Amino acid sequence: MNQDTKINFQPLYRVTQFLALIMLILIPLQIVIYVIAPPPDTVKGFFELYQQNPFFGLLSLDFLY
């Protein structure tokens, strides 16, 4: 049951490296967005935010990651 097959993990390593770099960019960006426009305190506030700007509504719910 010993198989001498070699699996090439190089493409997987490159994808994970790329995704880790993207996360290092997205996390500070999400912090800046939270500081500039904090999420509403009430459910009604979320509905009003979605009516005004759906994209900011999604960003307030951590849409980026």
PDB file of N, CA and C in Angstrom:
ATOM      1  N   MET A   1       0.797  -1.184   0.000  1.00  0.00           N
ATOM      2  CA  MET A   1       0.000   0.000   0.000  1.00  0.00           C
ATOM      3  C   MET A   1       0.849   1.261   0.000  1.00  0.00           C
ATOM      4  N   ASN A   2       2.107   1.127  -0.202  1.00  0.00           N
ATOM      5  CA  ASN A   2       2.988   2.275  -0.255  1.00  0.00           C
ATOM      6  C   ASN A   2       3.057   2.797  -1.680  1.00  0.00           C
ATOM      7  N   GLN A   3       2.551   3.989  -1.894  1.00  0.00           N
ATOM      8  CA  GLN A   3       2.574   4.574  -3.227  1.00  0.00           C
ATOM      9  C   GLN A   3       3.675   5.620  -3.290  1.00  0.00           C
ATOM     10  N   ASP A   4       4.421   5.584  -4.356  1.00  0.00           N
ATOM     11  CA  ASP A   4       5.513   6.534  -4.539  1.00  0.00           C
ATOM     12  C   ASP A   4       5.096   7.664  -5.473  1.00  0.00           C
ATOM     13  N   THR A   5       3.972   8.252  -5.196  1.00  0.00           N
ATOM     14  CA  THR A   5       3.516   9.380  -6.006  1.00  0.00           C
ATOM     15  C   THR A   5       3.855  10.671  -5.279  1.00  0.00           C
ATOM     16  N   LYS A   6       4.282  11.636  -6.046  1.00  0.00           N
ATOM     17  CA  LYS A   6       4.610  12.939  -5.474  1.00  0.00           C
ATOM     18  C   LYS A   6       3.540  13.934  -5.902  1.00  0.00           C
ATOM     19  N   ILE A   7       3.031  14.646  -4.935  1.00  0.00           N
ATOM     20  CA  ILE A   7       1.999  15.636  -5.199  1.00  0.00           C
ATOM     21  C   ILE A   7       2.665  17.009  -5.214  1.00  0.00           C
ATOM     22  N   ASN A   8       2.367  17.772  -6.243  1.00  0.00           N
ATOM     23  CA  ASN A   8       2.927  19.109  -6.369  1.00  0.00           C
ATOM     24  C   ASN A   8       2.011  20.104  -5.657  1.00  0.00           C
ATOM     25  N   PHE A   9       2.484  20.626  -4.542  1.00  0.00           N
ATOM     26  CA  PHE A   9       1.706  21.585  -3.759  1.00  0.00           C
ATOM     27  C   PHE A   9       2.045  23.034  -4.094  1.00  0.00           C
ATOM     28  N   GLN A  10       2.935  23.254  -5.046  1.00  0.00           N
ATOM     29  CA  GLN A  10       3.360  24.613  -5.381  1.00  0.00           C
ATOM     30  C   GLN A  10       2.193  25.529  -5.781  1.00  0.00           C
ATOM     31  N   PRO A  11       1.253  25.101  -6.641  1.00  0.00           N
ATOM     32  CA  PRO A  11       0.118  25.994  -6.960  1.00  0.00           C
ATOM     33  C   PRO A  11      -0.735  26.333  -5.735  1.00  0.00           C
ATOM     34  N   LEU A  12      -0.913  25.379  -4.852  1.00  0.00           N
ATOM     35  CA  LEU A  12      -1.680  25.632  -3.634  1.00  0.00           C
ATOM     36  C   LEU A  12      -0.977  26.655  -2.750  1.00  0.00           C
ATOM     37  N   TYR A  13       0.343  26.559  -2.648  1.00  0.00           N
ATOM     38  CA  TYR A  13       1.102  27.522  -1.856  1.00  0.00           C
ATOM     39  C   TYR A  13       0.987  28.927  -2.439  1.00  0.00           C
ATOM     40  N   ARG A  14       1.002  29.034  -3.746  1.00  0.00           N
ATOM     41  CA  ARG A  14       0.889  30.352  -4.393  1.00  0.00           C
ATOM     42  C   ARG A  14      -0.498  30.962  -4.143  1.00  0.00           C
ATOM     43  N   VAL A  15      -1.531  30.152  -4.230  1.00  0.00           N
ATOM     44  CA  VAL A  15      -2.894  30.655  -3.989  1.00  0.00           C
ATOM     45  C   VAL A  15      -3.035  31.120  -2.546  1.00  0.00           C
ATOM     46  N   THR A  16      -2.538  30.339  -1.603  1.00  0.00           N
ATOM     47  CA  THR A  16      -2.660  30.730  -0.194  1.00  0.00           C
ATOM     48  C   THR A  16      -1.828  31.970   0.107  1.00  0.00           C
ATOM     49  N   GLN A  17      -0.683  32.119  -0.540  1.00  0.00           N
ATOM     50  CA  GLN A  17       0.123  33.322  -0.364  1.00  0.00           C
ATOM     51  C   GLN A  17      -0.639  34.547  -0.872  1.00  0.00           C
ATOM     52  N   PHE A  18      -1.250  34.425  -2.022  1.00  0.00           N
ATOM     53  CA  PHE A  18      -2.034  35.520  -2.597  1.00  0.00           C
ATOM     54  C   PHE A  18      -3.216  35.875  -1.694  1.00  0.00           C
ATOM     55  N   LEU A  19      -3.933  34.881  -1.201  1.00  0.00           N
ATOM     56  CA  LEU A  19      -5.093  35.136  -0.344  1.00  0.00           C
ATOM     57  C   LEU A  19      -4.689  35.747   0.997  1.00  0.00           C
ATOM     58  N   ALA A  20      -3.541  35.340   1.531  1.00  0.00           N
ATOM     59  CA  ALA A  20      -3.065  35.935   2.781  1.00  0.00           C
ATOM     60  C   ALA A  20      -2.734  37.409   2.586  1.00  0.00           C
ATOM     61  N   LEU A  21      -2.130  37.750   1.463  1.00  0.00           N
ATOM     62  CA  LEU A  21      -1.830  39.155   1.183  1.00  0.00           C
ATOM     63  C   LEU A  21      -3.107  39.976   1.022  1.00  0.00           C
ATOM     64  N   ILE A  22      -4.100  39.404   0.380  1.00  0.00           N
ATOM     65  CA  ILE A  22      -5.379  40.107   0.237  1.00  0.00           C
ATOM     66  C   ILE A  22      -6.001  40.360   1.609  1.00  0.00           C
ATOM     67  N   MET A  23      -5.946  39.386   2.494  1.00  0.00           N
ATOM     68  CA  MET A  23      -6.502  39.572   3.837  1.00  0.00           C
ATOM     69  C   MET A  23      -5.747  40.651   4.606  1.00  0.00           C
ATOM     70  N   LEU A  24      -4.420  40.737   4.403  1.00  0.00           N
ATOM     71  CA  LEU A  24      -3.651  41.781   5.072  1.00  0.00           C
ATOM     72  C   LEU A  24      -4.037  43.174   4.583  1.00  0.00           C
ATOM     73  N   ILE A  25      -4.578  43.259   3.396  1.00  0.00           N
ATOM     74  CA  ILE A  25      -5.058  44.537   2.873  1.00  0.00           C
ATOM     75  C   ILE A  25      -6.494  44.802   3.324  1.00  0.00           C
ATOM     76  N   LEU A  26      -7.339  43.773   3.311  1.00  0.00           N
ATOM     77  CA  LEU A  26      -8.759  43.961   3.613  1.00  0.00           C
ATOM     78  C   LEU A  26      -9.036  44.265   5.085  1.00  0.00           C
ATOM     79  N   ILE A  27      -8.270  43.691   5.985  1.00  0.00           N
ATOM     80  CA  ILE A  27      -8.536  43.907   7.412  1.00  0.00           C
ATOM     81  C   ILE A  27      -8.337  45.372   7.803  1.00  0.00           C
ATOM     82  N   PRO A  28      -7.200  46.012   7.457  1.00  0.00           N
ATOM     83  CA  PRO A  28      -7.092  47.445   7.782  1.00  0.00           C
ATOM     84  C   PRO A  28      -8.124  48.302   7.051  1.00  0.00           C
ATOM     85  N   LEU A  29      -8.471  47.920   5.831  1.00  0.00           N
ATOM     86  CA  LEU A  29      -9.491  48.659   5.090  1.00  0.00           C
ATOM     87  C   LEU A  29     -10.834  48.591   5.809  1.00  0.00           C
ATOM     88  N   GLN A  30     -11.182  47.428   6.325  1.00  0.00           N
ATOM     89  CA  GLN A  30     -12.436  47.283   7.063  1.00  0.00           C
ATOM     90  C   GLN A  30     -12.401  48.094   8.361  1.00  0.00           C
ATOM     91  N   ILE A  31     -11.246  48.178   8.997  1.00  0.00           N
ATOM     92  CA  ILE A  31     -11.125  48.985  10.216  1.00  0.00           C
ATOM     93  C   ILE A  31     -11.348  50.459   9.900  1.00  0.00           C
ATOM     94  N   VAL A  32     -10.767  50.929   8.797  1.00  0.00           N
ATOM     95  CA  VAL A  32     -10.947  52.326   8.394  1.00  0.00           C
ATOM     96  C   VAL A  32     -12.416  52.608   8.099  1.00  0.00           C
ATOM     97  N   ILE A  33     -13.067  51.706   7.401  1.00  0.00           N
ATOM     98  CA  ILE A  33     -14.492  51.890   7.094  1.00  0.00           C
ATOM     99  C   ILE A  33     -15.313  51.928   8.383  1.00  0.00           C
ATOM    100  N   TYR A  34     -14.973  51.080   9.339  1.00  0.00           N
ATOM    101  CA  TYR A  34     -15.707  51.053  10.606  1.00  0.00           C
ATOM    102  C   TYR A  34     -15.522  52.360  11.377  1.00  0.00           C
ATOM    103  N   VAL A  35     -14.313  52.935  11.326  1.00  0.00           N
ATOM    104  CA  VAL A  35     -14.058  54.192  12.035  1.00  0.00           C
ATOM    105  C   VAL A  35     -14.787  55.349  11.353  1.00  0.00           C
ATOM    106  N   ILE A  36     -14.773  55.367  10.024  1.00  0.00           N
ATOM    107  CA  ILE A  36     -15.426  56.453   9.285  1.00  0.00           C
ATOM    108  C   ILE A  36     -16.947  56.378   9.419  1.00  0.00           C
ATOM    109  N   ALA A  37     -17.503  55.183   9.252  1.00  0.00           N
ATOM    110  CA  ALA A  37     -18.960  55.016   9.300  1.00  0.00           C
ATOM    111  C   ALA A  37     -19.289  53.804  10.167  1.00  0.00           C
ATOM    112  N   PRO A  38     -19.388  53.992  11.484  1.00  0.00           N
ATOM    113  CA  PRO A  38     -19.698  52.849  12.354  1.00  0.00           C
ATOM    114  C   PRO A  38     -21.092  52.297  12.071  1.00  0.00           C
ATOM    115  N   PRO A  39     -21.292  51.021  12.359  1.00  0.00           N
ATOM    116  CA  PRO A  39     -22.604  50.428  12.099  1.00  0.00           C
ATOM    117  C   PRO A  39     -23.666  51.004  13.035  1.00  0.00           C
ATOM    118  N   PRO A  40     -24.915  50.959  12.614  1.00  0.00           N
ATOM    119  CA  PRO A  40     -26.008  51.467  13.460  1.00  0.00           C
ATOM    120  C   PRO A  40     -26.164  50.633  14.734  1.00  0.00           C
ATOM    121  N   ASP A  41     -26.794  51.250  15.726  1.00  0.00           N
ATOM    122  CA  ASP A  41     -27.000  50.574  17.007  1.00  0.00           C
ATOM    123  C   ASP A  41     -28.291  49.768  17.055  1.00  0.00           C
ATOM    124  N   THR A  42     -29.230  50.073  16.172  1.00  0.00           N
ATOM    125  CA  THR A  42     -30.532  49.413  16.226  1.00  0.00           C
ATOM    126  C   THR A  42     -30.827  48.706  14.906  1.00  0.00           C
ATOM    127  N   VAL A  43     -31.797  47.835  14.959  1.00  0.00           N
ATOM    128  CA  VAL A  43     -32.242  47.143  13.744  1.00  0.00           C
ATOM    129  C   VAL A  43     -32.850  48.150  12.777  1.00  0.00           C
ATOM    130  N   LYS A  44     -33.602  49.083  13.316  1.00  0.00           N
ATOM    131  CA  LYS A  44     -34.195  50.124  12.471  1.00  0.00           C
ATOM    132  C   LYS A  44     -33.100  50.926  11.762  1.00  0.00           C
ATOM    133  N   GLY A  45     -32.007  51.164  12.462  1.00  0.00           N
ATOM    134  CA  GLY A  45     -30.887  51.877  11.862  1.00  0.00           C
ATOM    135  C   GLY A  45     -30.278  51.112  10.695  1.00  0.00           C
ATOM    136  N   PHE A  46     -30.212  49.779  10.819  1.00  0.00           N
ATOM    137  CA  PHE A  46     -29.704  48.968   9.710  1.00  0.00           C
ATOM    138  C   PHE A  46     -30.625  49.045   8.500  1.00  0.00           C
ATOM    139  N   PHE A  47     -31.914  48.975   8.735  1.00  0.00           N
ATOM    140  CA  PHE A  47     -32.853  49.072   7.612  1.00  0.00           C
ATOM    141  C   PHE A  47     -32.764  50.440   6.936  1.00  0.00           C
ATOM    142  N   GLU A  48     -32.613  51.490   7.726  1.00  0.00           N
ATOM    143  CA  GLU A  48     -32.464  52.825   7.138  1.00  0.00           C
ATOM    144  C   GLU A  48     -31.165  52.936   6.345  1.00  0.00           C
ATOM    145  N   LEU A  49     -30.103  52.329   6.869  1.00  0.00           N
ATOM    146  CA  LEU A  49     -28.827  52.345   6.154  1.00  0.00           C
ATOM    147  C   LEU A  49     -28.934  51.595   4.832  1.00  0.00           C
ATOM    148  N   TYR A  50     -29.611  50.446   4.833  1.00  0.00           N
ATOM    149  CA  TYR A  50     -29.801  49.689   3.591  1.00  0.00           C
ATOM    150  C   TYR A  50     -30.639  50.467   2.574  1.00  0.00           C
ATOM    151  N   GLN A  51     -31.599  51.231   3.048  1.00  0.00           N
ATOM    152  CA  GLN A  51     -32.408  52.028   2.124  1.00  0.00           C
ATOM    153  C   GLN A  51     -31.605  53.182   1.540  1.00  0.00           C
ATOM    154  N   GLN A  52     -30.740  53.780   2.340  1.00  0.00           N
ATOM    155  CA  GLN A  52     -29.937  54.906   1.863  1.00  0.00           C
ATOM    156  C   GLN A  52     -28.822  54.436   0.937  1.00  0.00           C
ATOM    157  N   ASN A  53     -28.085  53.418   1.371  1.00  0.00           N
ATOM    158  CA  ASN A  53     -26.951  52.941   0.592  1.00  0.00           C
ATOM    159  C   ASN A  53     -26.739  51.455   0.887  1.00  0.00           C
ATOM    160  N   PRO A  54     -27.196  50.571   0.011  1.00  0.00           N
ATOM    161  CA  PRO A  54     -27.066  49.134   0.260  1.00  0.00           C
ATOM    162  C   PRO A  54     -25.611  48.672   0.408  1.00  0.00           C
ATOM    163  N   PHE A  55     -24.698  49.294  -0.332  1.00  0.00           N
ATOM    164  CA  PHE A  55     -23.298  48.874  -0.248  1.00  0.00           C
ATOM    165  C   PHE A  55     -22.717  49.163   1.131  1.00  0.00           C
ATOM    166  N   PHE A  56     -22.991  50.350   1.698  1.00  0.00           N
ATOM    167  CA  PHE A  56     -22.526  50.652   3.050  1.00  0.00           C
ATOM    168  C   PHE A  56     -23.194  49.742   4.078  1.00  0.00           C
ATOM    169  N   GLY A  57     -24.417  49.349   3.814  1.00  0.00           N
ATOM    170  CA  GLY A  57     -25.084  48.398   4.698  1.00  0.00           C
ATOM    171  C   GLY A  57     -24.355  47.066   4.742  1.00  0.00           C
ATOM    172  N   LEU A  58     -23.919  46.599   3.586  1.00  0.00           N
ATOM    173  CA  LEU A  58     -23.159  45.351   3.541  1.00  0.00           C
ATOM    174  C   LEU A  58     -21.777  45.516   4.166  1.00  0.00           C
ATOM    175  N   LEU A  59     -21.147  46.665   3.952  1.00  0.00           N
ATOM    176  CA  LEU A  59     -19.839  46.903   4.559  1.00  0.00           C
ATOM    177  C   LEU A  59     -19.930  46.929   6.077  1.00  0.00           C
ATOM    178  N   SER A  60     -21.026  47.432   6.611  1.00  0.00           N
ATOM    179  CA  SER A  60     -21.176  47.465   8.061  1.00  0.00           C
ATOM    180  C   SER A  60     -21.348  46.068   8.647  1.00  0.00           C
ATOM    181  N   LEU A  61     -21.701  45.111   7.814  1.00  0.00           N
ATOM    182  CA  LEU A  61     -21.827  43.715   8.261  1.00  0.00           C
ATOM    183  C   LEU A  61     -20.632  42.872   7.815  1.00  0.00           C
ATOM    184  N   ASP A  62     -19.471  43.499   7.632  1.00  0.00           N
ATOM    185  CA  ASP A  62     -18.226  42.819   7.240  1.00  0.00           C
ATOM    186  C   ASP A  62     -18.353  42.099   5.910  1.00  0.00           C
ATOM    187  N   PHE A  63     -18.847  42.795   4.910  1.00  0.00           N
ATOM    188  CA  PHE A  63     -19.010  42.231   3.569  1.00  0.00           C
ATOM    189  C   PHE A  63     -17.671  41.864   2.930  1.00  0.00           C
ATOM    190  N   LEU A  64     -16.601  42.578   3.284  1.00  0.00           N
ATOM    191  CA  LEU A  64     -15.325  42.365   2.604  1.00  0.00           C
ATOM    192  C   LEU A  64     -14.683  41.029   2.938  1.00  0.00           C
ATOM    193  N   TYR A  65     -14.963  40.498   4.115  1.00  0.00           N
ATOM    194  CA  TYR A  65     -14.359  39.207   4.442  1.00  0.00           C
ATOM    195  C   TYR A  65     -15.277  38.355   5.242  1.00  0.00           C
TER     196      TYR A  65
END
